[in-house]
Amino acid sequence: MVQTDNAQSLEQIHHCYRAMVMSRTLENKLSSLYKAGKIVGGVYLGKGQEAISAALGTVLERGKDVYAPLIRDQAGRTAFGEELLDVTRTYLGKVTGPMRGRDGNIHRGRPTEGMPAMISHLGASLSYIAGMLFARRLKGSLNDSIGAATFGDGATSTGAFHEGLNLAAVEKLPMIILVVNNCFAYSTPNDRQFACDNLVSRAEGYGIQGHHVDGTDFFKSLETMTAAAEAARAGGGPQLVVADVLRLCGHGEHDDAKYVPKNLWEGSRDCMDVAEQQLLEANYLTEAEIAEIKEDARLKVQEAVAIAQREPTPDPYLDDWSALGS
């Protein structure tokens, strides 16, 4: 269990859980907006993956570290410090958003603030986080900052992932490579993707440290991510973290996930439920405090959506279509 013998550790636990709640609340709202025809494009939810995602965002430092989240990393984005309005403005295609309403709603980011926009060639983010860290090293500004990138099990089958991981390993770059094994690459099950017993076995082949964790366990997720971040900052090189979860929804809101066997659904557990039970049993939060956190998230999401809905979409005749650098 995560040690809580100082205020900072307890604050970290509360921060991680709040990010999970905010993410689930926000994404439930985004799902409703999508089904109501208010969102153009896809909506991809992180339902069931919030614990491991928020844990990663929690151990990183905004303004110091660099982080490349994936489509199911709203919890990690929130924990890392992404503003709610950045999310709602992007999903609703508003010119006031970080991408100015000109890109797909999941391809948002603020590169100059350490969070590059996600790209759909999923394995490629490992290379550009490695590149950002290597550039800092060459400039003498790396210090004890680290980088992190998230991948699904399917992304580990791409050439870009292996090339990027090999580079990071050879250069001993201080980064966390989080692989969230949610059992399916869209609809392709694990046994059609890789032959090893566990993806963490690949760490040894690249000469880096590997960590394996139950991604539905709140405390273990935060404990594992804390250990990986500390090892990376201390000069331990890349840290491969493999978290086992089940995606508790389809690949996107357009997908009914009929390919998931019934026994997997029946044997799954929701990390939100696990977190609440663990926090209550450890006396870190009361039921009243949990209810207050959920209500606060509901009100903030409602406000962010309302603000974004009132704002303008891009005007193709007036907008500056030069490349973004923010």
C-alpha atoms as a PDB file:
ATOM      1  CA  MET A   1       0.000   0.000   0.000  1.00  0.00           C
ATOM      2  CA  VAL A   2       1.145   3.553  -0.671  1.00  0.00           C
ATOM      3  CA  GLN A   3       2.795   5.031   2.383  1.00  0.00           C
ATOM      4  CA  THR A   4       0.921   7.982   3.882  1.00  0.00           C
ATOM      5  CA  ASP A   5       3.243   8.983   6.710  1.00  0.00           C
ATOM      6  CA  ASN A   6       3.408  12.557   5.430  1.00  0.00           C
ATOM      7  CA  ALA A   7       0.912  15.100   4.128  1.00  0.00           C
ATOM      8  CA  GLN A   8       2.338  15.024   0.611  1.00  0.00           C
ATOM      9  CA  SER A   9       1.581  11.308   0.184  1.00  0.00           C
ATOM     10  CA  LEU A  10      -1.988  11.714   1.371  1.00  0.00           C
ATOM     11  CA  GLU A  11      -2.385  14.702  -0.934  1.00  0.00           C
ATOM     12  CA  GLN A  12      -1.148  12.547  -3.805  1.00  0.00           C
ATOM     13  CA  ILE A  13      -3.770   9.889  -3.061  1.00  0.00           C
ATOM     14  CA  HIS A  14      -6.564  12.454  -2.926  1.00  0.00           C
ATOM     15  CA  HIS A  15      -5.316  14.123  -6.124  1.00  0.00           C
ATOM     16  CA  CYS A  16      -5.305  10.798  -7.978  1.00  0.00           C
ATOM     17  CA  TYR A  17      -8.821   9.864  -6.876  1.00  0.00           C
ATOM     18  CA  ARG A  18     -10.217  13.298  -7.711  1.00  0.00           C
ATOM     19  CA  ALA A  19      -8.740  12.997 -11.209  1.00  0.00           C
ATOM     20  CA  MET A  20     -10.460   9.627 -11.622  1.00  0.00           C
ATOM     21  CA  VAL A  21     -13.821  11.026 -10.565  1.00  0.00           C
ATOM     22  CA  MET A  22     -13.476  14.079 -12.774  1.00  0.00           C
ATOM     23  CA  SER A  23     -12.524  11.921 -15.740  1.00  0.00           C
ATOM     24  CA  ARG A  24     -15.448   9.519 -15.330  1.00  0.00           C
ATOM     25  CA  THR A  25     -17.895  12.397 -14.836  1.00  0.00           C
ATOM     26  CA  LEU A  26     -16.570  14.290 -17.841  1.00  0.00           C
ATOM     27  CA  GLU A  27     -16.556  11.278 -20.128  1.00  0.00           C
ATOM     28  CA  ASN A  28     -20.096  10.298 -19.150  1.00  0.00           C
ATOM     29  CA  LYS A  29     -21.113  13.797 -20.236  1.00  0.00           C
ATOM     30  CA  LEU A  30     -19.151  13.546 -23.475  1.00  0.00           C
ATOM     31  CA  SER A  31     -20.888  10.257 -24.217  1.00  0.00           C
ATOM     32  CA  SER A  32     -24.276  11.924 -23.760  1.00  0.00           C
ATOM     33  CA  LEU A  33     -23.295  14.835 -26.006  1.00  0.00           C
ATOM     34  CA  TYR A  34     -22.079  12.420 -28.684  1.00  0.00           C
ATOM     35  CA  LYS A  35     -25.311  10.443 -28.610  1.00  0.00           C
ATOM     36  CA  ALA A  36     -27.261  13.700 -28.829  1.00  0.00           C
ATOM     37  CA  GLY A  37     -25.372  14.633 -32.006  1.00  0.00           C
ATOM     38  CA  LYS A  38     -23.502  17.504 -30.366  1.00  0.00           C
ATOM     39  CA  ILE A  39     -20.023  16.073 -31.001  1.00  0.00           C
ATOM     40  CA  VAL A  40     -18.622  15.482 -34.486  1.00  0.00           C
ATOM     41  CA  GLY A  41     -16.101  12.665 -34.738  1.00  0.00           C
ATOM     42  CA  GLY A  42     -15.391   9.801 -32.352  1.00  0.00           C
ATOM     43  CA  VAL A  43     -15.603   9.598 -28.595  1.00  0.00           C
ATOM     44  CA  TYR A  44     -13.286   7.098 -26.917  1.00  0.00           C
ATOM     45  CA  LEU A  45     -13.736   6.521 -23.209  1.00  0.00           C
ATOM     46  CA  GLY A  46     -11.263   5.388 -20.564  1.00  0.00           C
ATOM     47  CA  LYS A  47     -13.931   3.641 -18.499  1.00  0.00           C
ATOM     48  CA  GLY A  48     -12.206   1.023 -16.346  1.00  0.00           C
ATOM     49  CA  GLN A  49      -8.717   2.429 -16.946  1.00  0.00           C
ATOM     50  CA  GLU A  50      -8.893   5.563 -14.810  1.00  0.00           C
ATOM     51  CA  ALA A  51      -6.829   4.246 -11.877  1.00  0.00           C
ATOM     52  CA  ILE A  52      -3.651   3.460 -13.778  1.00  0.00           C
ATOM     53  CA  SER A  53      -4.008   6.523 -16.002  1.00  0.00           C
ATOM     54  CA  ALA A  54      -4.563   8.929 -13.104  1.00  0.00           C
ATOM     55  CA  ALA A  55      -1.684   7.325 -11.206  1.00  0.00           C
ATOM     56  CA  LEU A  56       0.697   8.135 -14.049  1.00  0.00           C
ATOM     57  CA  GLY A  57      -0.521  11.729 -14.332  1.00  0.00           C
ATOM     58  CA  THR A  58      -0.213  12.125 -10.574  1.00  0.00           C
ATOM     59  CA  VAL A  59       3.476  11.163 -10.353  1.00  0.00           C
ATOM     60  CA  LEU A  60       4.435  13.540 -13.168  1.00  0.00           C
ATOM     61  CA  GLU A  61       5.112  17.244 -12.613  1.00  0.00           C
ATOM     62  CA  ARG A  62       3.463  19.775 -14.930  1.00  0.00           C
ATOM     63  CA  GLY A  63       5.976  22.327 -16.179  1.00  0.00           C
ATOM     64  CA  LYS A  64       8.866  19.944 -15.613  1.00  0.00           C
ATOM     65  CA  ASP A  65       8.040  16.583 -17.176  1.00  0.00           C
ATOM     66  CA  VAL A  66       6.682  15.676 -20.623  1.00  0.00           C
ATOM     67  CA  TYR A  67       3.669  13.410 -21.131  1.00  0.00           C
ATOM     68  CA  ALA A  68       2.021  11.883 -24.195  1.00  0.00           C
ATOM     69  CA  PRO A  69      -1.413  10.559 -23.199  1.00  0.00           C
ATOM     70  CA  LEU A  70      -3.527   8.253 -25.353  1.00  0.00           C
ATOM     71  CA  ILE A  71      -7.242   8.290 -26.202  1.00  0.00           C
ATOM     72  CA  ARG A  72      -8.265   6.637 -22.911  1.00  0.00           C
ATOM     73  CA  ASP A  73      -6.102   8.855 -20.739  1.00  0.00           C
ATOM     74  CA  GLN A  74      -8.517  11.569 -19.676  1.00  0.00           C
ATOM     75  CA  ALA A  75      -7.791  10.657 -16.054  1.00  0.00           C
ATOM     76  CA  GLY A  76      -4.064  11.027 -16.670  1.00  0.00           C
ATOM     77  CA  ARG A  77      -4.561  14.310 -18.497  1.00  0.00           C
ATOM     78  CA  THR A  78      -6.661  15.624 -15.623  1.00  0.00           C
ATOM     79  CA  ALA A  79      -4.130  14.533 -13.015  1.00  0.00           C
ATOM     80  CA  PHE A  80      -1.353  16.155 -15.071  1.00  0.00           C
ATOM     81  CA  GLY A  81      -3.256  19.441 -15.031  1.00  0.00           C
ATOM     82  CA  GLU A  82      -5.239  19.676 -18.273  1.00  0.00           C
ATOM     83  CA  GLU A  83      -7.964  22.301 -17.985  1.00  0.00           C
ATOM     84  CA  LEU A  84     -11.569  21.160 -18.323  1.00  0.00           C
ATOM     85  CA  LEU A  85     -12.227  23.889 -20.860  1.00  0.00           C
ATOM     86  CA  ASP A  86      -9.471  22.535 -23.099  1.00  0.00           C
ATOM     87  CA  VAL A  87     -11.455  19.295 -23.274  1.00  0.00           C
ATOM     88  CA  THR A  88     -14.953  20.674 -23.778  1.00  0.00           C
ATOM     89  CA  ARG A  89     -13.841  23.316 -26.268  1.00  0.00           C
ATOM     90  CA  THR A  90     -12.000  20.721 -28.342  1.00  0.00           C
ATOM     91  CA  TYR A  91     -14.778  18.137 -28.360  1.00  0.00           C
ATOM     92  CA  LEU A  92     -17.319  20.794 -29.325  1.00  0.00           C
ATOM     93  CA  GLY A  93     -15.043  22.174 -32.051  1.00  0.00           C
ATOM     94  CA  LYS A  94     -14.630  25.664 -30.634  1.00  0.00           C
ATOM     95  CA  VAL A  95     -12.108  28.171 -31.921  1.00  0.00           C
ATOM     96  CA  THR A  96     -11.244  29.020 -28.306  1.00  0.00           C
ATOM     97  CA  GLY A  97      -9.817  25.533 -27.698  1.00  0.00           C
ATOM     98  CA  PRO A  98      -6.113  24.642 -27.811  1.00  0.00           C
ATOM     99  CA  MET A  99      -6.470  23.238 -31.364  1.00  0.00           C
ATOM    100  CA  ARG A 100      -8.773  26.106 -32.433  1.00  0.00           C
ATOM    101  CA  GLY A 101     -11.471  23.724 -33.622  1.00  0.00           C
ATOM    102  CA  ARG A 102      -9.431  22.529 -36.582  1.00  0.00           C
ATOM    103  CA  ASP A 103      -8.423  18.983 -35.588  1.00  0.00           C
ATOM    104  CA  GLY A 104     -10.075  15.801 -34.390  1.00  0.00           C
ATOM    105  CA  ASN A 105     -11.299  16.082 -30.834  1.00  0.00           C
ATOM    106  CA  ILE A 106      -8.803  13.585 -29.402  1.00  0.00           C
ATOM    107  CA  HIS A 107      -5.756  15.204 -31.028  1.00  0.00           C
ATOM    108  CA  ARG A 108      -5.384  17.990 -28.527  1.00  0.00           C
ATOM    109  CA  GLY A 109      -2.416  19.086 -26.478  1.00  0.00           C
ATOM    110  CA  ARG A 110      -0.173  21.918 -25.375  1.00  0.00           C
ATOM    111  CA  PRO A 111       3.335  20.975 -26.560  1.00  0.00           C
ATOM    112  CA  THR A 112       5.067  23.992 -25.031  1.00  0.00           C
ATOM    113  CA  GLU A 113       3.617  22.988 -21.658  1.00  0.00           C
ATOM    114  CA  GLY A 114       4.906  19.418 -21.825  1.00  0.00           C
ATOM    115  CA  MET A 115       1.855  17.674 -23.291  1.00  0.00           C
ATOM    116  CA  PRO A 116       2.143  17.107 -27.060  1.00  0.00           C
ATOM    117  CA  ALA A 117      -1.017  16.357 -28.983  1.00  0.00           C
ATOM    118  CA  MET A 118      -1.916  12.706 -29.383  1.00  0.00           C
ATOM    119  CA  ILE A 119      -1.414  11.229 -32.835  1.00  0.00           C
ATOM    120  CA  SER A 120      -3.367   8.284 -34.168  1.00  0.00           C
ATOM    121  CA  HIS A 121      -0.268   6.334 -35.203  1.00  0.00           C
ATOM    122  CA  LEU A 122      -0.230   5.015 -31.687  1.00  0.00           C
ATOM    123  CA  GLY A 123       3.297   3.665 -31.281  1.00  0.00           C
ATOM    124  CA  ALA A 124       4.901   6.871 -32.533  1.00  0.00           C
ATOM    125  CA  SER A 125       4.514   8.845 -29.310  1.00  0.00           C
ATOM    126  CA  LEU A 126       7.285   6.792 -27.726  1.00  0.00           C
ATOM    127  CA  SER A 127       9.736   8.177 -30.286  1.00  0.00           C
ATOM    128  CA  TYR A 128       8.765  11.805 -29.895  1.00  0.00           C
ATOM    129  CA  ILE A 129       8.808  11.701 -26.085  1.00  0.00           C
ATOM    130  CA  ALA A 130      12.230  10.065 -26.362  1.00  0.00           C
ATOM    131  CA  GLY A 131      13.208  12.821 -28.776  1.00  0.00           C
ATOM    132  CA  MET A 132      12.036  15.571 -26.417  1.00  0.00           C
ATOM    133  CA  LEU A 133      14.068  14.072 -23.584  1.00  0.00           C
ATOM    134  CA  PHE A 134      17.139  13.565 -25.782  1.00  0.00           C
ATOM    135  CA  ALA A 135      16.927  17.176 -26.984  1.00  0.00           C
ATOM    136  CA  ARG A 136      16.854  18.365 -23.379  1.00  0.00           C
ATOM    137  CA  ARG A 137      19.908  16.252 -22.647  1.00  0.00           C
ATOM    138  CA  LEU A 138      21.793  17.784 -25.569  1.00  0.00           C
ATOM    139  CA  LYS A 139      20.830  21.270 -24.368  1.00  0.00           C
ATOM    140  CA  GLY A 140      21.869  20.453 -20.817  1.00  0.00           C
ATOM    141  CA  SER A 141      18.363  21.108 -19.480  1.00  0.00           C
ATOM    142  CA  LEU A 142      17.206  17.559 -18.728  1.00  0.00           C
ATOM    143  CA  ASN A 143      18.075  17.716 -15.014  1.00  0.00           C
ATOM    144  CA  ASP A 144      15.744  15.324 -13.141  1.00  0.00           C
ATOM    145  CA  SER A 145      12.762  15.700 -15.467  1.00  0.00           C
ATOM    146  CA  ILE A 146      11.235  12.579 -16.964  1.00  0.00           C
ATOM    147  CA  GLY A 147       8.896  11.684 -19.807  1.00  0.00           C
ATOM    148  CA  ALA A 148       5.956   9.333 -20.102  1.00  0.00           C
ATOM    149  CA  ALA A 149       3.868   7.863 -22.877  1.00  0.00           C
ATOM    150  CA  THR A 150       0.877   5.529 -22.809  1.00  0.00           C
ATOM    151  CA  PHE A 151       0.032   2.686 -25.182  1.00  0.00           C
ATOM    152  CA  GLY A 152      -2.573   0.004 -25.540  1.00  0.00           C
ATOM    153  CA  ASP A 153      -1.605  -3.612 -25.999  1.00  0.00           C
ATOM    154  CA  GLY A 154      -2.245  -3.239 -29.735  1.00  0.00           C
ATOM    155  CA  ALA A 155       0.255  -0.399 -30.107  1.00  0.00           C
ATOM    156  CA  THR A 156       3.034  -2.684 -28.864  1.00  0.00           C
ATOM    157  CA  SER A 157       2.686  -4.632 -32.118  1.00  0.00           C
ATOM    158  CA  THR A 158       3.735  -1.654 -34.232  1.00  0.00           C
ATOM    159  CA  GLY A 159       7.218  -1.065 -35.569  1.00  0.00           C
ATOM    160  CA  ALA A 160       7.262   2.480 -34.219  1.00  0.00           C
ATOM    161  CA  PHE A 161       6.845   1.183 -30.673  1.00  0.00           C
ATOM    162  CA  HIS A 162       9.816  -1.178 -30.946  1.00  0.00           C
ATOM    163  CA  GLU A 163      12.070   1.348 -32.638  1.00  0.00           C
ATOM    164  CA  GLY A 164      11.222   3.987 -30.059  1.00  0.00           C
ATOM    165  CA  LEU A 165      11.698   1.601 -27.155  1.00  0.00           C
ATOM    166  CA  ASN A 166      15.058   0.474 -28.489  1.00  0.00           C
ATOM    167  CA  LEU A 167      16.211   4.096 -28.794  1.00  0.00           C
ATOM    168  CA  ALA A 168      15.029   4.929 -25.271  1.00  0.00           C
ATOM    169  CA  ALA A 169      16.785   1.841 -23.888  1.00  0.00           C
ATOM    170  CA  VAL A 170      20.084   2.461 -25.682  1.00  0.00           C
ATOM    171  CA  GLU A 171      20.157   6.088 -24.564  1.00  0.00           C
ATOM    172  CA  LYS A 172      18.910   5.167 -21.066  1.00  0.00           C
ATOM    173  CA  LEU A 173      16.336   7.942 -21.229  1.00  0.00           C
ATOM    174  CA  PRO A 174      14.367   8.728 -18.072  1.00  0.00           C
ATOM    175  CA  MET A 175      10.886   7.767 -19.151  1.00  0.00           C
ATOM    176  CA  ILE A 176       7.896   5.648 -18.236  1.00  0.00           C
ATOM    177  CA  ILE A 177       6.361   3.513 -20.966  1.00  0.00           C
ATOM    178  CA  LEU A 178       2.890   2.560 -19.766  1.00  0.00           C
ATOM    179  CA  VAL A 179       1.230  -0.304 -21.623  1.00  0.00           C
ATOM    180  CA  VAL A 180      -2.417  -0.679 -20.660  1.00  0.00           C
ATOM    181  CA  ASN A 181      -3.366  -4.215 -21.621  1.00  0.00           C
ATOM    182  CA  ASN A 182      -7.144  -3.971 -21.904  1.00  0.00           C
ATOM    183  CA  CYS A 183      -7.332  -7.364 -23.632  1.00  0.00           C
ATOM    184  CA  PHE A 184      -8.291  -6.062 -27.078  1.00  0.00           C
ATOM    185  CA  ALA A 185      -6.687  -3.968 -29.819  1.00  0.00           C
ATOM    186  CA  TYR A 186     -10.067  -2.714 -30.987  1.00  0.00           C
ATOM    187  CA  SER A 187     -11.495  -6.240 -31.473  1.00  0.00           C
ATOM    188  CA  THR A 188      -8.262  -8.251 -31.737  1.00  0.00           C
ATOM    189  CA  PRO A 189      -7.637 -10.342 -28.580  1.00  0.00           C
ATOM    190  CA  ASN A 190      -4.235 -10.778 -26.933  1.00  0.00           C
ATOM    191  CA  ASP A 191      -3.652 -14.276 -28.298  1.00  0.00           C
ATOM    192  CA  ARG A 192      -3.698 -12.886 -31.846  1.00  0.00           C
ATOM    193  CA  GLN A 193      -1.242 -10.098 -30.986  1.00  0.00           C
ATOM    194  CA  PHE A 194       1.663 -11.567 -29.037  1.00  0.00           C
ATOM    195  CA  ALA A 195       3.003 -14.988 -28.073  1.00  0.00           C
ATOM    196  CA  CYS A 196       4.757 -14.166 -24.790  1.00  0.00           C
ATOM    197  CA  ASP A 197       2.953 -14.890 -21.526  1.00  0.00           C
ATOM    198  CA  ASN A 198       3.019 -11.240 -20.494  1.00  0.00           C
ATOM    199  CA  LEU A 199       4.076  -8.064 -22.257  1.00  0.00           C
ATOM    200  CA  VAL A 200       6.302  -7.138 -19.321  1.00  0.00           C
ATOM    201  CA  SER A 201       8.631  -9.933 -20.485  1.00  0.00           C
ATOM    202  CA  ARG A 202       9.721  -7.629 -23.287  1.00  0.00           C
ATOM    203  CA  ALA A 203      11.481  -5.369 -20.814  1.00  0.00           C
ATOM    204  CA  GLU A 204      14.270  -7.901 -20.353  1.00  0.00           C
ATOM    205  CA  GLY A 205      14.809  -8.132 -24.102  1.00  0.00           C
ATOM    206  CA  TYR A 206      15.431  -4.405 -24.290  1.00  0.00           C
ATOM    207  CA  GLY A 207      17.571  -4.303 -21.158  1.00  0.00           C
ATOM    208  CA  ILE A 208      15.195  -2.130 -19.160  1.00  0.00           C
ATOM    209  CA  GLN A 209      13.244  -2.481 -15.924  1.00  0.00           C
ATOM    210  CA  GLY A 210       9.737  -3.928 -16.060  1.00  0.00           C
ATOM    211  CA  HIS A 211       6.767  -3.566 -13.715  1.00  0.00           C
ATOM    212  CA  HIS A 212       3.514  -5.528 -13.785  1.00  0.00           C
ATOM    213  CA  VAL A 213       0.392  -4.365 -11.973  1.00  0.00           C
ATOM    214  CA  ASP A 214      -3.336  -4.933 -11.685  1.00  0.00           C
ATOM    215  CA  GLY A 215      -4.551  -1.703 -13.254  1.00  0.00           C
ATOM    216  CA  THR A 216      -7.892  -1.877 -11.467  1.00  0.00           C
ATOM    217  CA  ASP A 217      -6.237  -1.648  -8.039  1.00  0.00           C
ATOM    218  CA  PHE A 218      -6.042   2.001  -6.965  1.00  0.00           C
ATOM    219  CA  PHE A 219      -3.280   1.665  -4.361  1.00  0.00           C
ATOM    220  CA  LYS A 220      -1.146  -0.753  -6.375  1.00  0.00           C
ATOM    221  CA  SER A 221      -1.415   1.437  -9.466  1.00  0.00           C
ATOM    222  CA  LEU A 222      -0.232   4.507  -7.591  1.00  0.00           C
ATOM    223  CA  GLU A 223       2.472   2.543  -5.793  1.00  0.00           C
ATOM    224  CA  THR A 224       3.806   1.088  -9.051  1.00  0.00           C
ATOM    225  CA  MET A 225       3.796   4.412 -10.855  1.00  0.00           C
ATOM    226  CA  THR A 226       5.537   6.116  -7.942  1.00  0.00           C
ATOM    227  CA  ALA A 227       8.263   3.456  -7.997  1.00  0.00           C
ATOM    228  CA  ALA A 228       8.688   3.750 -11.780  1.00  0.00           C
ATOM    229  CA  ALA A 229       8.921   7.556 -11.635  1.00  0.00           C
ATOM    230  CA  GLU A 230      11.454   7.459  -8.811  1.00  0.00           C
ATOM    231  CA  ALA A 231      13.588   4.914 -10.689  1.00  0.00           C
ATOM    232  CA  ALA A 232      13.500   6.990 -13.893  1.00  0.00           C
ATOM    233  CA  ARG A 233      14.444  10.207 -12.043  1.00  0.00           C
ATOM    234  CA  ALA A 234      17.275   8.402 -10.280  1.00  0.00           C
ATOM    235  CA  GLY A 235      18.967   7.394 -13.542  1.00  0.00           C
ATOM    236  CA  GLY A 236      17.429   3.941 -13.915  1.00  0.00           C
ATOM    237  CA  GLY A 237      16.556   4.462 -17.569  1.00  0.00           C
ATOM    238  CA  PRO A 238      13.233   3.548 -19.189  1.00  0.00           C
ATOM    239  CA  GLN A 239      10.611   1.862 -17.034  1.00  0.00           C
ATOM    240  CA  LEU A 240       8.125  -0.424 -18.800  1.00  0.00           C
ATOM    241  CA  VAL A 241       4.886  -0.677 -16.825  1.00  0.00           C
ATOM    242  CA  VAL A 242       2.262  -3.193 -17.964  1.00  0.00           C
ATOM    243  CA  ALA A 243      -1.148  -2.753 -16.359  1.00  0.00           C
ATOM    244  CA  ASP A 244      -3.866  -5.355 -16.768  1.00  0.00           C
ATOM    245  CA  VAL A 245      -7.421  -4.046 -17.049  1.00  0.00           C
ATOM    246  CA  LEU A 246     -10.537  -4.667 -19.105  1.00  0.00           C
ATOM    247  CA  ARG A 247     -11.961  -1.876 -21.203  1.00  0.00           C
ATOM    248  CA  LEU A 248     -15.469  -1.526 -19.770  1.00  0.00           C
ATOM    249  CA  CYS A 249     -16.947  -0.206 -23.013  1.00  0.00           C
ATOM    250  CA  GLY A 250     -16.482  -0.550 -26.733  1.00  0.00           C
ATOM    251  CA  HIS A 251     -13.453   0.724 -28.604  1.00  0.00           C
ATOM    252  CA  GLY A 252     -15.422   3.924 -29.078  1.00  0.00           C
ATOM    253  CA  GLU A 253     -18.980   5.010 -28.472  1.00  0.00           C
ATOM    254  CA  HIS A 254     -19.790   3.728 -31.961  1.00  0.00           C
ATOM    255  CA  ASP A 255     -18.760   0.168 -30.994  1.00  0.00           C
ATOM    256  CA  ASP A 256     -21.047  -2.283 -29.137  1.00  0.00           C
ATOM    257  CA  ALA A 257     -18.111  -4.596 -28.173  1.00  0.00           C
ATOM    258  CA  LYS A 258     -20.004  -7.786 -29.089  1.00  0.00           C
ATOM    259  CA  TYR A 259     -16.638  -9.479 -29.648  1.00  0.00           C
ATOM    260  CA  VAL A 260     -15.889  -9.469 -25.883  1.00  0.00           C
ATOM    261  CA  PRO A 261     -16.679 -12.904 -24.372  1.00  0.00           C
ATOM    262  CA  LYS A 262     -19.380 -12.909 -21.713  1.00  0.00           C
ATOM    263  CA  ASN A 263     -17.101 -14.468 -19.106  1.00  0.00           C
ATOM    264  CA  LEU A 264     -14.709 -11.498 -19.378  1.00  0.00           C
ATOM    265  CA  TRP A 265     -17.510  -9.032 -18.641  1.00  0.00           C
ATOM    266  CA  GLU A 266     -18.684 -11.127 -15.710  1.00  0.00           C
ATOM    267  CA  GLY A 267     -15.192 -11.407 -14.229  1.00  0.00           C
ATOM    268  CA  SER A 268     -14.284  -7.744 -14.611  1.00  0.00           C
ATOM    269  CA  ARG A 269     -14.264  -5.070 -11.931  1.00  0.00           C
ATOM    270  CA  ASP A 270     -14.499  -1.298 -12.124  1.00  0.00           C
ATOM    271  CA  CYS A 271     -11.465   0.563 -10.783  1.00  0.00           C
ATOM    272  CA  MET A 272     -13.769   3.342  -9.535  1.00  0.00           C
ATOM    273  CA  ASP A 273     -15.569   0.910  -7.235  1.00  0.00           C
ATOM    274  CA  VAL A 274     -12.260  -0.589  -6.104  1.00  0.00           C
ATOM    275  CA  ALA A 275     -10.803   2.836  -5.326  1.00  0.00           C
ATOM    276  CA  GLU A 276     -13.785   3.899  -3.252  1.00  0.00           C
ATOM    277  CA  GLN A 277     -13.754   0.675  -1.269  1.00  0.00           C
ATOM    278  CA  GLN A 278     -10.012   0.931  -0.613  1.00  0.00           C
ATOM    279  CA  LEU A 279     -10.197   4.590   0.403  1.00  0.00           C
ATOM    280  CA  LEU A 280     -13.092   3.954   2.770  1.00  0.00           C
ATOM    281  CA  GLU A 281     -11.460   0.904   4.348  1.00  0.00           C
ATOM    282  CA  ALA A 282      -8.194   2.802   4.866  1.00  0.00           C
ATOM    283  CA  ASN A 283     -10.080   5.766   6.362  1.00  0.00           C
ATOM    284  CA  TYR A 284      -8.555   8.130   3.795  1.00  0.00           C
ATOM    285  CA  LEU A 285     -11.995   9.399   2.786  1.00  0.00           C
ATOM    286  CA  THR A 286     -15.498   9.166   4.212  1.00  0.00           C
ATOM    287  CA  GLU A 287     -18.646   8.461   2.230  1.00  0.00           C
ATOM    288  CA  ALA A 288     -19.662  12.091   2.686  1.00  0.00           C
ATOM    289  CA  GLU A 289     -16.317  13.300   1.315  1.00  0.00           C
ATOM    290  CA  ILE A 290     -16.606  10.985  -1.691  1.00  0.00           C
ATOM    291  CA  ALA A 291     -20.100  12.311  -2.382  1.00  0.00           C
ATOM    292  CA  GLU A 292     -18.770  15.866  -2.153  1.00  0.00           C
ATOM    293  CA  ILE A 293     -15.976  15.107  -4.635  1.00  0.00           C
ATOM    294  CA  LYS A 294     -18.484  13.650  -7.098  1.00  0.00           C
ATOM    295  CA  GLU A 295     -20.830  16.628  -6.782  1.00  0.00           C
ATOM    296  CA  ASP A 296     -17.951  19.052  -7.259  1.00  0.00           C
ATOM    297  CA  ALA A 297     -16.939  17.199 -10.434  1.00  0.00           C
ATOM    298  CA  ARG A 298     -20.513  17.255 -11.728  1.00  0.00           C
ATOM    299  CA  LEU A 299     -20.825  21.012 -11.249  1.00  0.00           C
ATOM    300  CA  LYS A 300     -17.435  21.774 -12.833  1.00  0.00           C
ATOM    301  CA  VAL A 301     -18.168  19.602 -15.871  1.00  0.00           C
ATOM    302  CA  GLN A 302     -21.580  21.179 -16.275  1.00  0.00           C
ATOM    303  CA  GLU A 303     -20.028  24.655 -16.163  1.00  0.00           C
ATOM    304  CA  ALA A 304     -17.257  23.794 -18.653  1.00  0.00           C
ATOM    305  CA  VAL A 305     -19.752  22.361 -21.143  1.00  0.00           C
ATOM    306  CA  ALA A 306     -22.040  25.377 -20.793  1.00  0.00           C
ATOM    307  CA  ILE A 307     -19.174  27.808 -21.411  1.00  0.00           C
ATOM    308  CA  ALA A 308     -17.935  25.920 -24.471  1.00  0.00           C
ATOM    309  CA  GLN A 309     -21.416  25.644 -25.969  1.00  0.00           C
ATOM    310  CA  ARG A 310     -21.734  29.435 -25.991  1.00  0.00           C
ATOM    311  CA  GLU A 311     -18.442  29.987 -27.805  1.00  0.00           C
ATOM    312  CA  PRO A 312     -17.897  30.235 -31.597  1.00  0.00           C
ATOM    313  CA  THR A 313     -16.687  27.619 -34.036  1.00  0.00           C
ATOM    314  CA  PRO A 314     -13.930  28.539 -36.539  1.00  0.00           C
ATOM    315  CA  ASP A 315     -14.721  30.895 -39.400  1.00  0.00           C
ATOM    316  CA  PRO A 316     -12.874  29.600 -42.483  1.00  0.00           C
ATOM    317  CA  TYR A 317     -12.692  33.117 -43.914  1.00  0.00           C
ATOM    318  CA  LEU A 318     -11.285  34.807 -40.833  1.00  0.00           C
ATOM    319  CA  ASP A 319      -9.220  32.187 -39.018  1.00  0.00           C
ATOM    320  CA  ASP A 320      -5.413  32.149 -39.167  1.00  0.00           C
ATOM    321  CA  TRP A 321      -4.634  28.702 -40.606  1.00  0.00           C
ATOM    322  CA  SER A 322      -0.932  28.760 -39.836  1.00  0.00           C
ATOM    323  CA  ALA A 323       0.555  25.864 -37.859  1.00  0.00           C
ATOM    324  CA  LEU A 324      -0.064  25.869 -34.125  1.00  0.00           C
ATOM    325  CA  GLY A 325       2.804  26.219 -31.713  1.00  0.00           C
ATOM    326  CA  SER A 326       1.025  26.376 -28.364  1.00  0.00           C
END
